[in-house]
């Protein structure tokens, strides 16, 4: 049968929660269009119940993921990059349609996103060296500070950079041992939902990353107020929403990562192609400090 006579097979996009692909609990979907207003797909419109389910999955996965060795987490993240490389053409098509880019520019964005993922994978067993250390103290003690993951992090993905920006906010969260509940860009959720398929077929344990699509404000409000969410990244919130979420987050002293806003109130002014630095790696880390007596050596009582 010729290509033009084939029946089109449209992709069904689903949420990614707890390592599975549920439809929205509400049964709702919404139309996703390209930059010219042409229909691309129907995306699930997540509900507050979906957000709560994602938090439960993230909390369940936190113990195992945070307890894994940093080297092992690096291997897992690198495997994700391998899987992304194998599905590059699909992501080029989705990014081109979602962000209104030419195929060549979309390919450059996807390449940068894969490279960014590899970059963060390399940091998993190195961040402890710059975020921790031995502290000089007056007394016969070792005083050591080491970074530990904060816990469950709610991430509002960038609204305009549907893939490179998305990777740039997810990878550092999980590289440092946290688990994530991600709200994809409402206007361009397709690359994020496809990323869930990549995570499911890599070595990332179910629940480490949970991806929701739908109205950002509707989903962010219950996450900011949720008592079992430890931190929130406000990158995808406008100024008004960010203020509301900060107030809600204060109730259980969540860590809050704010984003710079543009004149129109959008937090999409970041240049995601620039070197990311380490500030997102350290944003959701706690510091544990341990005191330990040095002990004594020899009959004279000399110490270390």
Foldseek 3Di string as FASTA:
>chain_A
DDPVPDDDDADDFAWAAQLDGDAAPVNDWDFAFFPVRHTDYIYGAHAQVLLVRLLVLQQVCLVVLQPDALLVLLVQLLQLLVLLVVCLVVQLVLQCRLQVHDSVVSSVLSVLLSVVSNVLSVCSNPVQVVVWDWDDDPDQKTKTKGKGFQEEEEEEFAQRRQGLSRSLQLNLNSSRRYAYEYEGRQNRPVSVSVSSVSSSPTPNRGSSYTYHYHDPLRNLQCLLQDLSHQAYECQAPFPVSVVNSVVNNPVNDHQYHYADADPVRGRPPDDSSDDPPCCSNCSRIDMDMDIDGQFADDPVRHGD
